[in-house]
N, C-alpha and C. Protein backbone atom coordinates (compact mmCIF):
# COMPACT_ATOMS: atom_id res chain seq x y z
N MET A 1 -20.23 -29.04 24.36
CA MET A 1 -21.27 -29.00 24.48
C MET A 1 -21.57 -29.29 25.78
N SER A 2 -21.16 -28.67 26.78
CA SER A 2 -21.42 -28.83 28.07
C SER A 2 -21.95 -27.97 28.97
N HIS A 3 -21.35 -28.91 29.74
CA HIS A 3 -23.51 -28.54 30.98
C HIS A 3 -22.39 -28.33 32.96
N ILE A 4 -23.11 -27.05 32.57
CA ILE A 4 -22.99 -26.59 35.03
C ILE A 4 -24.23 -26.70 35.78
N SER A 5 -23.37 -27.84 37.21
CA SER A 5 -24.62 -27.96 38.17
C SER A 5 -24.12 -26.92 38.83
N PHE A 6 -25.56 -26.02 39.06
CA PHE A 6 -25.74 -25.58 40.10
C PHE A 6 -25.23 -26.21 41.24
N SER A 7 -25.43 -27.71 41.59
CA SER A 7 -25.11 -28.53 42.75
C SER A 7 -23.57 -28.34 43.30
N SER A 8 -22.84 -28.55 41.67
CA SER A 8 -21.57 -28.48 42.58
C SER A 8 -21.02 -26.95 43.02
N PHE A 9 -21.30 -26.44 42.35
CA PHE A 9 -21.23 -24.76 43.01
C PHE A 9 -21.61 -24.84 44.58
N LYS A 10 -22.63 -25.13 44.45
CA LYS A 10 -22.87 -24.94 46.18
C LYS A 10 -22.87 -26.32 47.15
N GLN A 11 -22.08 -26.81 46.80
CA GLN A 11 -21.17 -28.00 46.69
C GLN A 11 -19.60 -28.08 47.72
N LYS A 12 -19.50 -27.16 45.98
CA LYS A 12 -18.13 -26.79 46.50
C LYS A 12 -18.10 -25.46 48.09
N LYS A 13 -18.86 -24.81 47.75
CA LYS A 13 -19.41 -23.68 48.87
C LYS A 13 -19.05 -23.55 50.11
N GLU A 14 -19.99 -24.96 49.88
CA GLU A 14 -20.67 -26.28 51.45
C GLU A 14 -18.69 -26.10 52.38
N GLU A 15 -18.38 -26.51 51.21
CA GLU A 15 -17.04 -27.17 51.85
C GLU A 15 -15.79 -26.59 51.90
N LYS A 16 -15.87 -24.86 51.20
CA LYS A 16 -14.93 -23.99 51.16
C LYS A 16 -15.97 -23.10 53.18
N THR A 17 -16.45 -22.78 53.18
CA THR A 17 -17.35 -22.15 54.51
C THR A 17 -16.62 -23.49 55.91
N GLU A 18 -16.87 -24.28 55.93
CA GLU A 18 -16.69 -26.14 55.76
C GLU A 18 -15.76 -25.36 56.78
N ILE A 19 -13.81 -25.15 55.84
CA ILE A 19 -12.89 -24.73 56.15
C ILE A 19 -12.67 -23.38 57.03
N GLU A 20 -13.64 -22.59 56.50
CA GLU A 20 -13.32 -21.49 56.84
C GLU A 20 -13.92 -21.52 58.69
N LYS A 21 -14.89 -22.26 58.27
CA LYS A 21 -15.15 -22.54 60.16
C LYS A 21 -13.82 -22.58 61.23
N GLN A 22 -13.04 -24.17 60.44
CA GLN A 22 -11.82 -24.43 61.14
C GLN A 22 -11.33 -23.85 61.58
N ASP A 23 -10.94 -22.87 60.98
CA ASP A 23 -10.38 -21.21 61.35
C ASP A 23 -10.59 -20.96 62.07
N LEU A 24 -11.71 -20.83 62.42
CA LEU A 24 -11.95 -19.23 63.22
C LEU A 24 -11.99 -19.68 64.62
N LEU A 25 -11.68 -19.13 65.40
CA LEU A 25 -11.49 -19.41 67.18
C LEU A 25 -13.34 -19.65 68.13
N VAL A 26 -12.91 -20.85 68.96
CA VAL A 26 -14.16 -21.25 69.15
C VAL A 26 -14.64 -20.40 70.42
N SER A 27 -15.64 -19.92 69.85
CA SER A 27 -15.64 -18.92 71.64
C SER A 27 -16.14 -20.53 73.10
N VAL A 28 -15.52 -20.30 73.53
CA VAL A 28 -16.68 -21.61 74.77
C VAL A 28 -16.23 -20.44 75.89
N ASP A 29 -17.02 -20.76 76.51
CA ASP A 29 -17.94 -19.61 77.98
C ASP A 29 -17.40 -20.51 78.84
N LEU A 30 -17.41 -21.37 78.99
CA LEU A 30 -16.92 -22.21 80.21
C LEU A 30 -14.79 -21.26 81.02
N ASN A 31 -14.53 -21.53 81.95
CA ASN A 31 -13.87 -20.87 82.07
C ASN A 31 -13.09 -21.50 83.53
N GLU A 32 -12.20 -22.56 83.00
CA GLU A 32 -11.91 -23.86 84.06
C GLU A 32 -10.62 -22.73 84.58
N LYS A 33 -9.69 -23.40 85.68
CA LYS A 33 -8.48 -23.69 85.83
C LYS A 33 -7.36 -23.97 85.41
N PHE A 34 -6.89 -23.91 85.07
CA PHE A 34 -5.90 -25.77 84.64
C PHE A 34 -4.38 -24.89 84.94
N THR A 35 -3.58 -26.11 84.93
CA THR A 35 -2.10 -26.07 85.43
C THR A 35 -0.99 -26.28 84.01
N GLN A 36 -0.34 -25.90 84.39
CA GLN A 36 1.11 -26.06 83.15
C GLN A 36 1.40 -27.33 83.36
N GLU A 37 1.02 -28.23 83.31
CA GLU A 37 0.84 -30.44 83.77
C GLU A 37 -0.14 -29.91 82.70
N GLN A 38 -1.47 -30.09 82.88
CA GLN A 38 -2.71 -30.05 82.40
C GLN A 38 -2.47 -29.13 81.39
N MET A 39 -2.48 -28.73 80.36
CA MET A 39 -2.05 -28.24 79.92
C MET A 39 -1.41 -29.00 78.37
N ILE A 40 -0.09 -29.61 79.68
CA ILE A 40 1.20 -29.92 78.09
C ILE A 40 0.50 -30.97 77.97
N MET A 41 -0.40 -32.13 79.01
CA MET A 41 -1.41 -32.99 78.35
C MET A 41 -2.36 -32.74 77.45
N ALA A 42 -2.42 -32.00 77.52
CA ALA A 42 -3.69 -31.44 76.05
C ALA A 42 -3.31 -30.99 75.13
N TRP A 43 -1.74 -30.69 74.43
CA TRP A 43 -0.88 -30.38 73.86
C TRP A 43 -0.48 -31.75 73.29
N ASN A 44 -0.04 -32.60 74.49
CA ASN A 44 1.23 -33.66 74.24
C ASN A 44 -0.46 -35.11 73.05
N LYS A 45 -1.98 -34.53 74.12
CA LYS A 45 -2.71 -34.87 72.67
C LYS A 45 -2.74 -34.58 71.99
N TYR A 46 -2.93 -33.05 71.80
CA TYR A 46 -2.71 -32.91 70.33
C TYR A 46 -1.76 -33.21 68.88
N ILE A 47 -1.00 -33.64 69.52
CA ILE A 47 0.27 -33.91 68.92
C ILE A 47 -0.49 -35.09 67.88
N ARG A 48 -0.63 -36.28 68.80
CA ARG A 48 -1.03 -37.19 68.67
C ARG A 48 -1.87 -37.44 67.54
N THR A 49 -2.77 -36.39 67.26
CA THR A 49 -3.77 -36.24 66.63
C THR A 49 -3.04 -36.23 64.81
N ILE A 50 -1.65 -35.65 65.38
CA ILE A 50 -1.34 -34.81 64.15
C ILE A 50 -0.74 -36.21 63.15
N GLN A 51 -0.80 -36.17 61.85
CA GLN A 51 -0.80 -36.75 61.02
C GLN A 51 -0.20 -36.31 59.35
N GLY A 52 1.10 -36.57 59.03
CA GLY A 52 1.44 -36.15 57.66
C GLY A 52 2.59 -34.51 58.07
N LYS A 53 2.27 -34.51 58.75
CA LYS A 53 2.64 -32.66 59.11
C LYS A 53 3.55 -32.94 60.38
N ASN A 54 5.09 -33.72 59.34
CA ASN A 54 5.93 -33.91 60.00
C ASN A 54 7.21 -32.90 61.31
N LEU A 55 6.90 -32.03 59.78
CA LEU A 55 7.14 -31.08 61.07
C LEU A 55 6.70 -29.84 62.09
N LEU A 56 6.24 -30.66 61.75
CA LEU A 56 5.07 -29.68 63.02
C LEU A 56 4.50 -30.38 63.66
N LEU A 57 4.73 -31.55 64.37
CA LEU A 57 4.90 -33.14 64.86
C LEU A 57 5.97 -32.26 66.19
N ASN A 58 7.43 -32.37 65.05
CA ASN A 58 8.00 -32.53 65.69
C ASN A 58 8.76 -31.07 66.45
N THR A 59 8.20 -29.86 65.81
CA THR A 59 8.01 -28.73 66.91
C THR A 59 7.35 -28.29 68.13
N MET A 60 5.80 -29.24 67.56
CA MET A 60 5.15 -29.82 69.64
C MET A 60 6.08 -30.05 70.47
N GLU A 61 7.06 -31.55 69.66
CA GLU A 61 7.33 -32.17 70.99
C GLU A 61 8.34 -31.67 71.08
N SER A 62 8.98 -30.86 70.28
CA SER A 62 10.69 -29.92 71.28
C SER A 62 10.34 -28.28 71.60
N CYS A 63 9.45 -28.07 71.65
CA CYS A 63 8.97 -26.16 71.72
C CYS A 63 7.68 -26.94 72.61
N LYS A 64 8.43 -26.78 73.75
CA LYS A 64 6.19 -26.75 74.35
C LYS A 64 6.52 -25.35 75.44
N PRO A 65 5.21 -25.30 74.80
CA PRO A 65 5.10 -24.10 75.25
C PRO A 65 4.78 -23.60 77.31
N THR A 66 5.01 -22.86 77.33
CA THR A 66 5.11 -22.41 78.95
C THR A 66 3.55 -22.11 78.96
N LEU A 67 3.06 -21.76 80.48
CA LEU A 67 1.58 -20.65 80.53
C LEU A 67 2.05 -19.29 81.44
N THR A 68 1.69 -18.27 81.26
CA THR A 68 1.79 -17.49 81.68
C THR A 68 0.40 -16.98 81.97
N ALA A 69 0.33 -15.09 82.81
CA ALA A 69 -0.61 -15.31 83.51
C ALA A 69 -2.35 -14.83 82.31
N ASN A 70 -2.93 -14.86 82.41
CA ASN A 70 -4.68 -14.72 81.80
C ASN A 70 -4.21 -15.72 80.26
N TYR A 71 -4.43 -16.31 80.92
CA TYR A 71 -4.42 -18.13 80.41
C TYR A 71 -3.24 -18.24 78.88
N VAL A 72 -2.47 -17.58 78.22
CA VAL A 72 -1.58 -16.60 77.13
C VAL A 72 -0.47 -18.18 77.27
N LEU A 73 -0.35 -19.03 75.93
CA LEU A 73 0.13 -20.34 75.87
C LEU A 73 2.30 -19.31 74.92
N VAL A 74 2.98 -19.39 76.00
CA VAL A 74 4.29 -18.85 75.05
C VAL A 74 4.81 -20.12 74.71
N GLN A 75 5.06 -19.76 73.33
CA GLN A 75 5.74 -20.77 72.89
C GLN A 75 6.83 -20.05 72.08
N SER A 76 8.11 -20.92 72.53
CA SER A 76 9.09 -19.99 71.99
C SER A 76 9.83 -21.71 70.32
N VAL A 77 9.74 -21.06 69.71
CA VAL A 77 10.44 -22.15 68.39
C VAL A 77 11.39 -21.33 68.18
N ASP A 78 12.41 -21.83 67.67
CA ASP A 78 13.81 -21.81 66.80
C ASP A 78 14.08 -22.01 66.09
N ASN A 79 13.27 -21.44 64.35
CA ASN A 79 13.43 -21.17 63.71
C ASN A 79 12.36 -20.89 62.55
N THR A 80 12.40 -19.49 61.79
CA THR A 80 10.95 -19.27 59.93
C THR A 80 10.08 -20.44 60.57
N TYR A 81 10.43 -21.87 60.23
CA TYR A 81 10.43 -22.68 59.40
C TYR A 81 8.77 -22.85 60.49
N GLN A 82 9.60 -23.16 61.46
CA GLN A 82 9.10 -23.19 61.97
C GLN A 82 7.66 -22.19 63.35
N GLU A 83 8.10 -21.55 63.31
CA GLU A 83 6.60 -20.42 63.00
C GLU A 83 5.61 -20.16 62.31
N LYS A 84 5.40 -20.37 60.97
CA LYS A 84 5.19 -20.67 60.09
C LYS A 84 4.25 -21.58 60.34
N GLU A 85 5.22 -23.17 60.77
CA GLU A 85 3.95 -24.09 60.27
C GLU A 85 2.93 -23.57 61.76
N MET A 86 3.18 -23.11 62.50
CA MET A 86 2.94 -22.91 64.30
C MET A 86 1.78 -21.76 63.90
N GLN A 87 1.93 -21.10 63.87
CA GLN A 87 0.99 -20.57 63.04
C GLN A 87 -0.04 -20.20 61.92
N ASN A 88 0.02 -21.49 61.00
CA ASN A 88 -0.32 -22.00 60.42
C ASN A 88 -1.51 -23.11 61.25
N GLU A 89 -1.46 -23.83 61.71
CA GLU A 89 -1.86 -24.22 62.85
C GLU A 89 -2.85 -23.72 64.85
N ALA A 90 -2.37 -22.54 64.21
CA ALA A 90 -2.19 -22.24 65.58
C ALA A 90 -3.90 -22.03 66.53
N ASN A 91 -5.36 -21.62 64.99
CA ASN A 91 -6.48 -21.80 65.31
C ASN A 91 -6.73 -23.05 65.92
N THR A 92 -6.76 -24.10 65.09
CA THR A 92 -7.18 -25.35 65.65
C THR A 92 -7.09 -25.77 66.33
N LEU A 93 -5.19 -25.11 66.80
CA LEU A 93 -4.88 -25.61 68.32
C LEU A 93 -5.42 -25.76 69.51
N VAL A 94 -5.46 -24.05 69.62
CA VAL A 94 -5.67 -23.64 69.95
C VAL A 94 -8.04 -23.97 70.76
N ASN A 95 -8.41 -23.91 69.88
CA ASN A 95 -9.52 -24.78 68.83
C ASN A 95 -9.52 -26.00 70.10
N PHE A 96 -7.99 -26.83 70.03
CA PHE A 96 -9.12 -27.92 70.89
C PHE A 96 -8.28 -28.03 72.11
N LEU A 97 -8.05 -26.86 72.13
CA LEU A 97 -6.70 -26.55 73.77
C LEU A 97 -8.15 -26.08 75.07
N ARG A 98 -8.89 -25.38 74.21
CA ARG A 98 -10.42 -24.67 74.86
C ARG A 98 -10.66 -25.44 74.89
N LYS A 99 -11.14 -26.35 73.95
CA LYS A 99 -12.62 -27.84 74.26
C LYS A 99 -11.64 -28.48 75.54
N GLU A 100 -10.43 -29.56 75.06
CA GLU A 100 -9.59 -30.18 75.87
C GLU A 100 -10.22 -29.50 77.75
N LEU A 101 -10.02 -28.39 77.86
CA LEU A 101 -8.82 -27.19 79.39
C LEU A 101 -10.22 -26.92 79.51
N ARG A 102 -11.89 -26.67 79.12
CA ARG A 102 -12.59 -26.20 78.82
C ARG A 102 -12.19 -24.36 79.36
N ASN A 103 -11.20 -23.66 78.91
CA ASN A 103 -11.35 -22.32 79.39
C ASN A 103 -11.19 -21.87 77.53
N GLY A 104 -12.11 -20.63 77.78
CA GLY A 104 -12.31 -19.95 76.23
C GLY A 104 -11.62 -18.79 76.83
N GLN A 105 -10.50 -18.81 77.22
CA GLN A 105 -9.94 -17.61 77.55
C GLN A 105 -8.23 -18.24 76.92
N ILE A 106 -7.96 -19.30 76.06
CA ILE A 106 -6.37 -19.79 76.21
C ILE A 106 -6.65 -18.80 74.59
N THR A 107 -5.02 -18.13 74.24
CA THR A 107 -4.62 -18.02 73.92
C THR A 107 -3.05 -17.93 73.37
N LEU A 108 -1.97 -18.00 71.80
CA LEU A 108 -0.81 -18.83 71.63
C LEU A 108 -0.20 -17.79 71.36
N SER A 109 1.06 -17.50 71.73
CA SER A 109 1.98 -16.96 71.65
C SER A 109 3.08 -17.47 70.83
N ILE A 110 2.63 -17.17 70.01
CA ILE A 110 4.43 -17.63 69.41
C ILE A 110 5.64 -16.73 69.04
N GLN A 111 6.39 -17.32 69.66
CA GLN A 111 7.65 -16.20 69.48
C GLN A 111 8.96 -17.01 68.52
N LEU A 112 9.80 -15.92 67.91
CA LEU A 112 10.78 -17.28 67.48
C LEU A 112 11.69 -16.90 68.40
N SER A 113 12.65 -17.97 68.61
CA SER A 113 13.55 -17.90 70.03
C SER A 113 14.81 -17.00 69.23
N GLU A 114 15.47 -15.62 69.83
CA GLU A 114 17.11 -15.69 70.03
C GLU A 114 18.68 -16.20 69.85
N MET A 115 19.02 -16.08 69.25
CA MET A 115 20.01 -17.00 69.74
C MET A 115 20.94 -16.56 70.48
N THR A 116 20.86 -16.78 71.28
CA THR A 116 21.74 -15.33 72.23
C THR A 116 23.69 -16.06 72.73
N ASN A 117 23.39 -17.46 72.17
CA ASN A 117 24.77 -18.07 72.73
C ASN A 117 25.17 -18.47 71.38
N MET A 118 25.23 -17.99 69.86
CA MET A 118 25.82 -18.20 68.69
C MET A 118 27.25 -19.34 69.48
N THR A 119 27.20 -20.63 68.84
CA THR A 119 28.53 -21.02 68.89
C THR A 119 28.90 -21.37 67.41
N LYS A 120 30.10 -21.04 67.42
CA LYS A 120 31.45 -21.21 66.03
C LYS A 120 32.05 -22.61 66.46
N ALA A 121 32.21 -23.16 65.26
CA ALA A 121 32.35 -24.61 65.08
C ALA A 121 33.84 -24.19 65.77
N MET A 122 33.50 -24.96 66.40
CA MET A 122 34.98 -26.05 67.01
C MET A 122 36.64 -27.13 66.26
N THR A 123 37.38 -26.34 66.65
CA THR A 123 38.42 -27.65 65.95
C THR A 123 38.53 -29.06 66.77
N PRO A 124 38.46 -29.74 66.13
CA PRO A 124 38.54 -30.96 67.30
C PRO A 124 39.16 -30.75 68.90
N ASN A 125 40.56 -31.04 68.35
CA ASN A 125 41.32 -30.13 69.99
C ASN A 125 40.01 -29.64 70.96
N GLU A 126 39.76 -28.91 69.90
CA GLU A 126 38.72 -27.17 71.79
C GLU A 126 37.57 -27.98 71.80
N ARG A 127 37.31 -28.98 70.89
CA ARG A 127 35.69 -30.24 71.01
C ARG A 127 36.39 -30.79 71.98
N LEU A 128 37.60 -31.91 71.93
CA LEU A 128 37.82 -32.63 73.17
C LEU A 128 38.50 -31.48 74.55
N LYS A 129 38.48 -30.47 75.05
CA LYS A 129 39.16 -29.74 75.84
C LYS A 129 38.22 -29.70 76.83
N ARG A 130 36.74 -29.05 75.63
CA ARG A 130 34.92 -28.68 76.69
C ARG A 130 35.44 -29.80 76.66
N MET A 131 34.77 -31.37 76.41
CA MET A 131 34.22 -32.66 76.67
C MET A 131 34.81 -32.37 77.84
N THR A 132 36.16 -32.82 77.76
CA THR A 132 37.67 -33.18 79.18
C THR A 132 36.43 -32.26 80.92
N GLU A 133 36.34 -31.00 79.98
CA GLU A 133 36.12 -29.56 81.23
C GLU A 133 33.80 -30.30 81.65
N ASN A 134 33.85 -31.07 80.82
CA ASN A 134 32.02 -31.10 81.11
C ASN A 134 31.81 -32.76 82.02
N HIS A 135 33.48 -33.43 81.32
CA HIS A 135 34.03 -35.06 81.40
C HIS A 135 34.44 -35.33 81.86
N PRO A 136 34.71 -34.82 83.58
CA PRO A 136 36.38 -35.33 83.70
C PRO A 136 36.45 -36.74 84.39
N ALA A 137 36.05 -37.96 83.80
CA ALA A 137 35.96 -38.90 83.46
C ALA A 137 36.26 -39.02 82.81
N LEU A 138 36.06 -38.62 81.30
CA LEU A 138 36.76 -38.47 80.35
C LEU A 138 38.56 -38.45 80.30
N LYS A 139 38.87 -36.90 80.89
CA LYS A 139 40.00 -37.37 81.34
C LYS A 139 40.76 -38.38 82.02
N GLU A 140 40.10 -39.13 82.81
CA GLU A 140 40.58 -40.22 83.42
C GLU A 140 40.60 -41.18 82.65
N LEU A 141 39.63 -41.32 81.65
CA LEU A 141 40.11 -42.07 80.92
C LEU A 141 41.08 -42.44 79.92
N ARG A 142 41.26 -41.18 78.73
CA ARG A 142 41.99 -40.55 78.04
C ARG A 142 43.49 -41.10 78.38
N GLU A 143 43.95 -40.98 80.24
CA GLU A 143 45.45 -40.78 80.63
C GLU A 143 45.45 -42.67 80.86
N GLN A 144 43.96 -43.28 81.45
CA GLN A 144 44.64 -44.67 81.48
C GLN A 144 44.51 -45.32 80.28
N PHE A 145 43.97 -44.99 79.44
CA PHE A 145 44.45 -45.81 78.80
C PHE A 145 44.61 -46.04 77.04
N ASN A 146 45.89 -44.09 77.70
CA ASN A 146 47.28 -43.16 76.96
C ASN A 146 46.84 -43.31 75.59
N LEU A 147 45.35 -42.92 75.65
CA LEU A 147 44.63 -42.03 74.41
C LEU A 147 44.93 -40.68 73.76
N GLU A 148 45.12 -40.89 71.81
CA GLU A 148 45.55 -39.40 71.98
C GLU A 148 45.17 -38.72 70.64
N LEU A 149 44.37 -38.14 70.91
CA LEU A 149 43.32 -36.89 69.40
C LEU A 149 44.82 -36.82 68.22
N ASP A 150 43.89 -38.00 67.34
CA ASP A 150 44.87 -38.47 65.74
C ASP A 150 44.21 -37.31 64.95
N LEU A 151 44.91 -36.44 64.66
CA LEU A 151 44.72 -34.61 64.11
C LEU A 151 45.52 -34.66 62.36
């Protein structure tokens, strides 16, 4: 014989509706202007609240958004994993930013960056050549100490 409690169903339903409420975007009536710097400060404040979500944390630290017209924050991410993590967090993040920056018009646009410069694997000689082109002092160092690349 088993007992079913209606109070447990009610409690689970209340927990579920609380989670659903968190996923909805908060409408903030205020429309205060803010700068890119203020937005980044609020973004960093949100980052400090993240616990146990390392991919999200790293993504938000390395892929900062840019403030565009009409309070759209455009965030360019490097791969689909980052994109998915950001999309999962988007509503909570936007709610936080709307409250923090006192502007209900804030939206977040997450874009997968296009890999325009696909780099091929380089040989050690190619790497050395590129490094000496970018850092002329390296060439002087090689010559001064008579250093050679051992392949």
